[in-house]
Amino acid sequence: MAENQPFPDADWNAAGIARAGADLAATAAQAVSFGQLGAGAQGEAKRNLDLLLDIDIPISVEVGRAQMTLDEVLRLVPGSVIALDKKAEEPVDLRVNGKLVARGEIVQLDDAYGLRITQIVDRAGRIDSLR
């Protein structure tokens, strides 16, 4: 036998191949039985979600946007005013991990600012915000 055969002990002539085929055909097939499907998958999904509930994610409120050249940015000094693309009465955007999820209005809470949510953005609105 040649030494480069992957199975040196195998008989690869026609009779050996026929014998291997007959042995394979004689092997009894067994039916596979699956257990009942139940709420186990849902319970596992809930447990997986519970693992994520205490993870911090960045949330930001976008009051408006402006586009400036690098030269204009370098000329900014304390007291500079940047005109934004939104009017004062327009709602501001709430972004979670950089993606738009809601809109609202700025409110004052004691000595801090807050956001009163007025609209939850649907899937189509989130897609439009990416454009």
N, C-alpha and C. Protein backbone atom coordinates (compact mmCIF):
# COMPACT_ATOMS: atom_id res chain seq x y z
N MET A 1 0.83 -1.19 0.00
CA MET A 1 0.00 0.00 0.00
C MET A 1 0.87 1.24 0.00
N ALA A 2 0.34 2.28 -0.62
CA ALA A 2 1.07 3.53 -0.67
C ALA A 2 0.97 4.22 0.68
N GLU A 3 2.01 4.92 1.07
CA GLU A 3 2.02 5.56 2.37
C GLU A 3 1.27 6.88 2.38
N ASN A 4 0.91 7.44 1.23
CA ASN A 4 0.22 8.72 1.23
C ASN A 4 -1.29 8.57 1.32
N GLN A 5 -1.82 7.37 1.50
CA GLN A 5 -3.26 7.19 1.68
C GLN A 5 -3.64 7.67 3.08
N PRO A 6 -4.78 8.34 3.20
CA PRO A 6 -5.18 8.85 4.51
C PRO A 6 -5.49 7.75 5.52
N PHE A 7 -6.00 6.61 5.05
CA PHE A 7 -6.29 5.47 5.92
C PHE A 7 -5.54 4.26 5.38
N PRO A 8 -4.32 4.05 5.83
CA PRO A 8 -3.51 2.99 5.23
C PRO A 8 -4.10 1.60 5.41
N ASP A 9 -4.92 1.37 6.47
CA ASP A 9 -5.48 0.04 6.70
C ASP A 9 -6.74 -0.21 5.90
N ALA A 10 -7.31 0.82 5.29
CA ALA A 10 -8.57 0.67 4.57
C ALA A 10 -8.34 -0.06 3.25
N ASP A 11 -9.31 -0.90 2.91
CA ASP A 11 -9.28 -1.63 1.64
C ASP A 11 -10.11 -0.82 0.65
N TRP A 12 -9.44 -0.07 -0.27
CA TRP A 12 -10.13 0.87 -1.15
C TRP A 12 -10.44 0.28 -2.53
N ASN A 13 -10.40 -1.04 -2.66
CA ASN A 13 -10.78 -1.60 -3.94
C ASN A 13 -12.30 -1.71 -4.02
N ALA A 14 -12.84 -2.16 -5.14
CA ALA A 14 -14.29 -2.19 -5.36
C ALA A 14 -14.98 -3.08 -4.34
N ALA A 15 -14.39 -4.18 -3.97
CA ALA A 15 -15.02 -5.08 -3.01
C ALA A 15 -15.08 -4.43 -1.63
N GLY A 16 -14.02 -3.69 -1.25
CA GLY A 16 -14.00 -3.03 0.06
C GLY A 16 -15.03 -1.92 0.15
N ILE A 17 -15.17 -1.19 -0.95
CA ILE A 17 -16.15 -0.11 -0.97
C ILE A 17 -17.57 -0.68 -0.92
N ALA A 18 -17.82 -1.75 -1.62
CA ALA A 18 -19.14 -2.39 -1.60
C ALA A 18 -19.45 -2.92 -0.21
N ARG A 19 -18.45 -3.51 0.47
CA ARG A 19 -18.65 -4.04 1.82
C ARG A 19 -18.96 -2.89 2.80
N ALA A 20 -18.26 -1.76 2.66
CA ALA A 20 -18.52 -0.61 3.54
C ALA A 20 -19.92 -0.07 3.31
N GLY A 21 -20.37 -0.04 2.05
CA GLY A 21 -21.73 0.42 1.74
C GLY A 21 -22.77 -0.50 2.33
N ALA A 22 -22.53 -1.81 2.27
CA ALA A 22 -23.48 -2.77 2.84
C ALA A 22 -23.53 -2.63 4.35
N ASP A 23 -22.38 -2.45 4.99
CA ASP A 23 -22.36 -2.25 6.45
C ASP A 23 -23.14 -0.99 6.84
N LEU A 24 -22.98 0.07 6.07
CA LEU A 24 -23.68 1.31 6.35
C LEU A 24 -25.19 1.13 6.18
N ALA A 25 -25.61 0.41 5.14
CA ALA A 25 -27.03 0.19 4.89
C ALA A 25 -27.65 -0.68 5.97
N ALA A 26 -26.87 -1.58 6.56
CA ALA A 26 -27.39 -2.47 7.58
C ALA A 26 -27.51 -1.80 8.95
N THR A 27 -26.91 -0.68 9.10
CA THR A 27 -26.96 0.03 10.37
C THR A 27 -28.39 0.49 10.62
N ALA A 28 -28.89 0.22 11.80
CA ALA A 28 -30.27 0.58 12.14
C ALA A 28 -30.35 2.07 12.44
N ALA A 29 -31.31 2.74 11.84
CA ALA A 29 -31.54 4.16 12.10
C ALA A 29 -32.47 4.29 13.30
N GLN A 30 -32.17 5.22 14.15
CA GLN A 30 -33.01 5.43 15.33
C GLN A 30 -33.71 6.78 15.20
N ALA A 31 -34.95 6.80 15.60
CA ALA A 31 -35.72 8.05 15.57
C ALA A 31 -35.22 8.99 16.66
N VAL A 32 -35.24 10.25 16.36
CA VAL A 32 -34.84 11.27 17.32
C VAL A 32 -36.09 11.81 17.97
N SER A 33 -36.06 11.92 19.29
CA SER A 33 -37.22 12.50 19.97
C SER A 33 -36.81 13.81 20.63
N PHE A 34 -37.64 14.81 20.45
CA PHE A 34 -37.39 16.12 21.01
C PHE A 34 -38.35 16.34 22.18
N GLY A 35 -37.89 17.07 23.17
CA GLY A 35 -38.72 17.38 24.32
C GLY A 35 -39.78 18.41 23.96
N GLN A 36 -40.71 18.60 24.87
CA GLN A 36 -41.77 19.58 24.66
C GLN A 36 -41.20 20.99 24.64
N LEU A 37 -41.70 21.80 23.74
CA LEU A 37 -41.34 23.20 23.75
C LEU A 37 -42.24 23.91 24.73
N GLY A 38 -41.63 24.73 25.57
CA GLY A 38 -42.42 25.43 26.58
C GLY A 38 -41.91 26.84 26.76
N ALA A 39 -42.17 27.38 27.92
CA ALA A 39 -41.79 28.76 28.23
C ALA A 39 -40.31 28.85 28.60
N GLY A 40 -39.58 27.77 28.48
CA GLY A 40 -38.16 27.79 28.86
C GLY A 40 -37.36 28.80 28.06
N ALA A 41 -37.63 28.92 26.79
CA ALA A 41 -36.89 29.88 25.96
C ALA A 41 -37.20 31.30 26.39
N GLN A 42 -38.46 31.58 26.71
CA GLN A 42 -38.82 32.91 27.17
C GLN A 42 -38.18 33.21 28.50
N GLY A 43 -38.18 32.24 29.39
CA GLY A 43 -37.56 32.43 30.70
C GLY A 43 -36.07 32.71 30.57
N GLU A 44 -35.43 32.00 29.65
CA GLU A 44 -34.00 32.22 29.43
C GLU A 44 -33.75 33.60 28.83
N ALA A 45 -34.62 34.04 27.91
CA ALA A 45 -34.47 35.38 27.33
C ALA A 45 -34.62 36.44 28.41
N LYS A 46 -35.57 36.26 29.32
CA LYS A 46 -35.77 37.22 30.42
C LYS A 46 -34.53 37.26 31.30
N ARG A 47 -33.96 36.10 31.58
CA ARG A 47 -32.75 36.03 32.41
C ARG A 47 -31.59 36.73 31.69
N ASN A 48 -31.48 36.54 30.37
CA ASN A 48 -30.43 37.21 29.60
C ASN A 48 -30.62 38.72 29.62
N LEU A 49 -31.88 39.17 29.53
CA LEU A 49 -32.17 40.60 29.58
C LEU A 49 -31.80 41.16 30.95
N ASP A 50 -32.07 40.39 32.00
CA ASP A 50 -31.73 40.84 33.36
C ASP A 50 -30.23 41.09 33.50
N LEU A 51 -29.41 40.36 32.76
CA LEU A 51 -27.96 40.56 32.81
C LEU A 51 -27.57 41.94 32.28
N LEU A 52 -28.38 42.48 31.38
CA LEU A 52 -28.06 43.76 30.74
C LEU A 52 -28.63 44.97 31.45
N LEU A 53 -29.56 44.77 32.37
CA LEU A 53 -30.29 45.90 32.94
C LEU A 53 -29.42 46.87 33.73
N ASP A 54 -28.29 46.44 34.26
CA ASP A 54 -27.46 47.35 35.06
C ASP A 54 -26.25 47.88 34.29
N ILE A 55 -26.26 47.74 32.96
CA ILE A 55 -25.16 48.25 32.14
C ILE A 55 -25.42 49.71 31.80
N ASP A 56 -24.42 50.56 32.05
CA ASP A 56 -24.55 51.97 31.72
C ASP A 56 -24.45 52.18 30.22
N ILE A 57 -25.34 53.01 29.68
CA ILE A 57 -25.28 53.39 28.27
C ILE A 57 -25.36 54.91 28.19
N PRO A 58 -24.68 55.49 27.21
CA PRO A 58 -24.68 56.95 27.11
C PRO A 58 -26.03 57.48 26.60
N ILE A 59 -26.57 58.44 27.34
CA ILE A 59 -27.80 59.13 26.95
C ILE A 59 -27.46 60.60 26.82
N SER A 60 -27.88 61.22 25.72
CA SER A 60 -27.59 62.63 25.52
C SER A 60 -28.83 63.34 25.00
N VAL A 61 -28.90 64.63 25.29
CA VAL A 61 -29.97 65.48 24.79
C VAL A 61 -29.33 66.44 23.81
N GLU A 62 -29.82 66.40 22.58
CA GLU A 62 -29.27 67.25 21.53
C GLU A 62 -30.18 68.46 21.33
N VAL A 63 -29.67 69.61 21.70
CA VAL A 63 -30.43 70.85 21.59
C VAL A 63 -30.46 71.34 20.15
N GLY A 64 -29.41 71.10 19.40
CA GLY A 64 -29.33 71.53 18.02
C GLY A 64 -27.96 71.18 17.46
N ARG A 65 -27.78 71.50 16.19
CA ARG A 65 -26.52 71.21 15.51
C ARG A 65 -26.05 72.45 14.77
N ALA A 66 -24.76 72.48 14.53
CA ALA A 66 -24.16 73.54 13.72
C ALA A 66 -23.01 72.94 12.94
N GLN A 67 -22.78 73.47 11.77
CA GLN A 67 -21.65 73.02 10.96
C GLN A 67 -20.69 74.19 10.82
N MET A 68 -19.43 73.93 11.17
CA MET A 68 -18.42 74.99 11.15
C MET A 68 -17.16 74.46 10.49
N THR A 69 -16.40 75.37 9.92
CA THR A 69 -15.10 74.98 9.38
C THR A 69 -14.11 74.87 10.54
N LEU A 70 -13.01 74.24 10.31
CA LEU A 70 -11.98 74.11 11.34
C LEU A 70 -11.47 75.48 11.76
N ASP A 71 -11.36 76.38 10.80
CA ASP A 71 -10.90 77.73 11.10
C ASP A 71 -11.86 78.43 12.07
N GLU A 72 -13.17 78.27 11.84
CA GLU A 72 -14.16 78.87 12.73
C GLU A 72 -14.09 78.28 14.14
N VAL A 73 -13.87 76.99 14.22
CA VAL A 73 -13.74 76.34 15.53
C VAL A 73 -12.52 76.86 16.26
N LEU A 74 -11.42 77.03 15.55
CA LEU A 74 -10.19 77.51 16.20
C LEU A 74 -10.32 78.95 16.67
N ARG A 75 -11.25 79.71 16.10
CA ARG A 75 -11.44 81.10 16.51
C ARG A 75 -12.42 81.26 17.67
N LEU A 76 -12.98 80.16 18.18
CA LEU A 76 -13.92 80.25 19.30
C LEU A 76 -13.18 80.67 20.57
N VAL A 77 -13.80 81.55 21.32
CA VAL A 77 -13.26 82.04 22.59
C VAL A 77 -14.41 82.05 23.59
N PRO A 78 -14.12 82.12 24.87
CA PRO A 78 -15.22 82.24 25.85
C PRO A 78 -16.10 83.44 25.50
N GLY A 79 -17.40 83.20 25.46
CA GLY A 79 -18.34 84.26 25.09
C GLY A 79 -18.80 84.15 23.65
N SER A 80 -18.16 83.30 22.83
CA SER A 80 -18.60 83.12 21.44
C SER A 80 -20.00 82.51 21.43
N VAL A 81 -20.79 82.87 20.45
CA VAL A 81 -22.14 82.34 20.29
C VAL A 81 -22.18 81.52 19.00
N ILE A 82 -22.72 80.33 19.09
CA ILE A 82 -22.86 79.46 17.92
C ILE A 82 -24.35 79.33 17.61
N ALA A 83 -24.75 79.67 16.40
CA ALA A 83 -26.15 79.54 15.99
C ALA A 83 -26.44 78.08 15.67
N LEU A 84 -27.50 77.55 16.26
CA LEU A 84 -27.89 76.16 16.04
C LEU A 84 -29.02 76.08 15.01
N ASP A 85 -29.26 74.90 14.50
CA ASP A 85 -30.24 74.71 13.44
C ASP A 85 -31.68 74.57 13.94
N LYS A 86 -31.93 74.70 15.26
CA LYS A 86 -33.29 74.57 15.78
C LYS A 86 -33.75 75.88 16.40
N LYS A 87 -35.06 76.09 16.33
CA LYS A 87 -35.65 77.25 16.98
C LYS A 87 -35.86 76.94 18.46
N ALA A 88 -35.99 77.95 19.27
CA ALA A 88 -36.11 77.77 20.72
C ALA A 88 -37.35 76.95 21.10
N GLU A 89 -38.43 77.05 20.34
CA GLU A 89 -39.66 76.34 20.69
C GLU A 89 -39.72 74.91 20.14
N GLU A 90 -38.77 74.53 19.32
CA GLU A 90 -38.76 73.17 18.76
C GLU A 90 -38.34 72.16 19.81
N PRO A 91 -38.87 70.92 19.70
CA PRO A 91 -38.46 69.89 20.66
C PRO A 91 -36.99 69.50 20.45
N VAL A 92 -36.36 69.07 21.53
CA VAL A 92 -34.97 68.61 21.46
C VAL A 92 -34.96 67.09 21.36
N ASP A 93 -33.84 66.53 20.91
CA ASP A 93 -33.74 65.10 20.68
C ASP A 93 -33.09 64.39 21.86
N LEU A 94 -33.67 63.26 22.25
CA LEU A 94 -33.06 62.38 23.24
C LEU A 94 -32.42 61.23 22.49
N ARG A 95 -31.14 61.06 22.67
CA ARG A 95 -30.41 60.00 21.98
C ARG A 95 -29.86 59.01 22.99
N VAL A 96 -30.03 57.74 22.69
CA VAL A 96 -29.48 56.66 23.51
C VAL A 96 -28.44 55.96 22.67
N ASN A 97 -27.21 55.99 23.15
CA ASN A 97 -26.08 55.40 22.42
C ASN A 97 -25.98 56.00 21.02
N GLY A 98 -26.31 57.30 20.89
CA GLY A 98 -26.19 57.99 19.62
C GLY A 98 -27.39 57.86 18.70
N LYS A 99 -28.39 57.06 19.09
CA LYS A 99 -29.55 56.85 18.23
C LYS A 99 -30.76 57.58 18.81
N LEU A 100 -31.50 58.25 17.96
CA LEU A 100 -32.68 59.01 18.37
C LEU A 100 -33.76 58.06 18.87
N VAL A 101 -34.27 58.30 20.09
CA VAL A 101 -35.34 57.46 20.63
C VAL A 101 -36.55 58.27 21.07
N ALA A 102 -36.36 59.56 21.37
CA ALA A 102 -37.49 60.37 21.83
C ALA A 102 -37.20 61.84 21.58
N ARG A 103 -38.26 62.64 21.72
CA ARG A 103 -38.14 64.10 21.65
C ARG A 103 -38.86 64.68 22.86
N GLY A 104 -38.45 65.88 23.25
CA GLY A 104 -39.08 66.48 24.41
C GLY A 104 -38.74 67.95 24.53
N GLU A 105 -39.09 68.50 25.68
CA GLU A 105 -38.83 69.92 25.94
C GLU A 105 -37.98 70.05 27.19
N ILE A 106 -37.13 71.06 27.18
CA ILE A 106 -36.24 71.32 28.31
C ILE A 106 -37.06 71.93 29.44
N VAL A 107 -36.86 71.43 30.66
CA VAL A 107 -37.52 71.96 31.85
C VAL A 107 -36.45 72.23 32.90
N GLN A 108 -36.78 73.08 33.85
CA GLN A 108 -35.84 73.37 34.94
C GLN A 108 -36.32 72.66 36.19
N LEU A 109 -35.44 71.87 36.79
CA LEU A 109 -35.73 71.14 38.02
C LEU A 109 -34.82 71.69 39.11
N ASP A 110 -35.37 72.50 39.99
CA ASP A 110 -34.58 73.20 41.02
C ASP A 110 -33.47 73.99 40.34
N ASP A 111 -32.22 73.56 40.54
CA ASP A 111 -31.11 74.29 39.93
C ASP A 111 -30.48 73.50 38.77
N ALA A 112 -31.21 72.55 38.22
CA ALA A 112 -30.69 71.73 37.12
C ALA A 112 -31.69 71.72 35.97
N TYR A 113 -31.23 71.28 34.82
CA TYR A 113 -32.10 71.12 33.65
C TYR A 113 -32.58 69.67 33.57
N GLY A 114 -33.73 69.49 32.96
CA GLY A 114 -34.26 68.16 32.72
C GLY A 114 -34.93 68.11 31.37
N LEU A 115 -35.45 66.96 31.03
CA LEU A 115 -36.14 66.78 29.75
C LEU A 115 -37.50 66.15 30.01
N ARG A 116 -38.55 66.80 29.58
CA ARG A 116 -39.89 66.22 29.63
C ARG A 116 -40.13 65.59 28.27
N ILE A 117 -40.31 64.28 28.25
CA ILE A 117 -40.48 63.55 26.99
C ILE A 117 -41.90 63.77 26.48
N THR A 118 -41.99 64.21 25.24
CA THR A 118 -43.30 64.47 24.63
C THR A 118 -43.61 63.49 23.50
N GLN A 119 -42.60 62.79 22.99
CA GLN A 119 -42.82 61.88 21.85
C GLN A 119 -41.76 60.78 21.88
N ILE A 120 -42.21 59.54 21.75
CA ILE A 120 -41.31 58.41 21.55
C ILE A 120 -41.22 58.20 20.04
N VAL A 121 -40.01 58.13 19.51
CA VAL A 121 -39.82 58.03 18.07
C VAL A 121 -39.98 56.58 17.63
N ASP A 122 -40.81 56.36 16.61
CA ASP A 122 -41.01 55.01 16.09
C ASP A 122 -39.85 54.62 15.17
N ARG A 123 -39.89 53.41 14.68
CA ARG A 123 -38.82 52.87 13.84
C ARG A 123 -38.56 53.74 12.61
N ALA A 124 -39.62 54.20 11.96
CA ALA A 124 -39.47 55.03 10.75
C ALA A 124 -38.79 56.35 11.11
N GLY A 125 -39.14 56.92 12.27
CA GLY A 125 -38.52 58.16 12.70
C GLY A 125 -37.06 57.98 13.01
N ARG A 126 -36.69 56.83 13.58
CA ARG A 126 -35.27 56.57 13.85
C ARG A 126 -34.48 56.43 12.56
N ILE A 127 -35.09 55.80 11.57
CA ILE A 127 -34.42 55.65 10.27
C ILE A 127 -34.25 57.01 9.61
N ASP A 128 -35.29 57.86 9.69
CA ASP A 128 -35.20 59.21 9.10
C ASP A 128 -34.12 60.03 9.79
N SER A 129 -33.92 59.84 11.08
CA SER A 129 -32.92 60.63 11.81
C SER A 129 -31.49 60.27 11.39
N LEU A 130 -31.30 59.12 10.78
CA LEU A 130 -29.96 58.72 10.34
C LEU A 130 -29.56 59.40 9.05
N ARG A 131 -30.53 59.95 8.33
CA ARG A 131 -30.25 60.58 7.04
C ARG A 131 -29.73 61.96 7.20
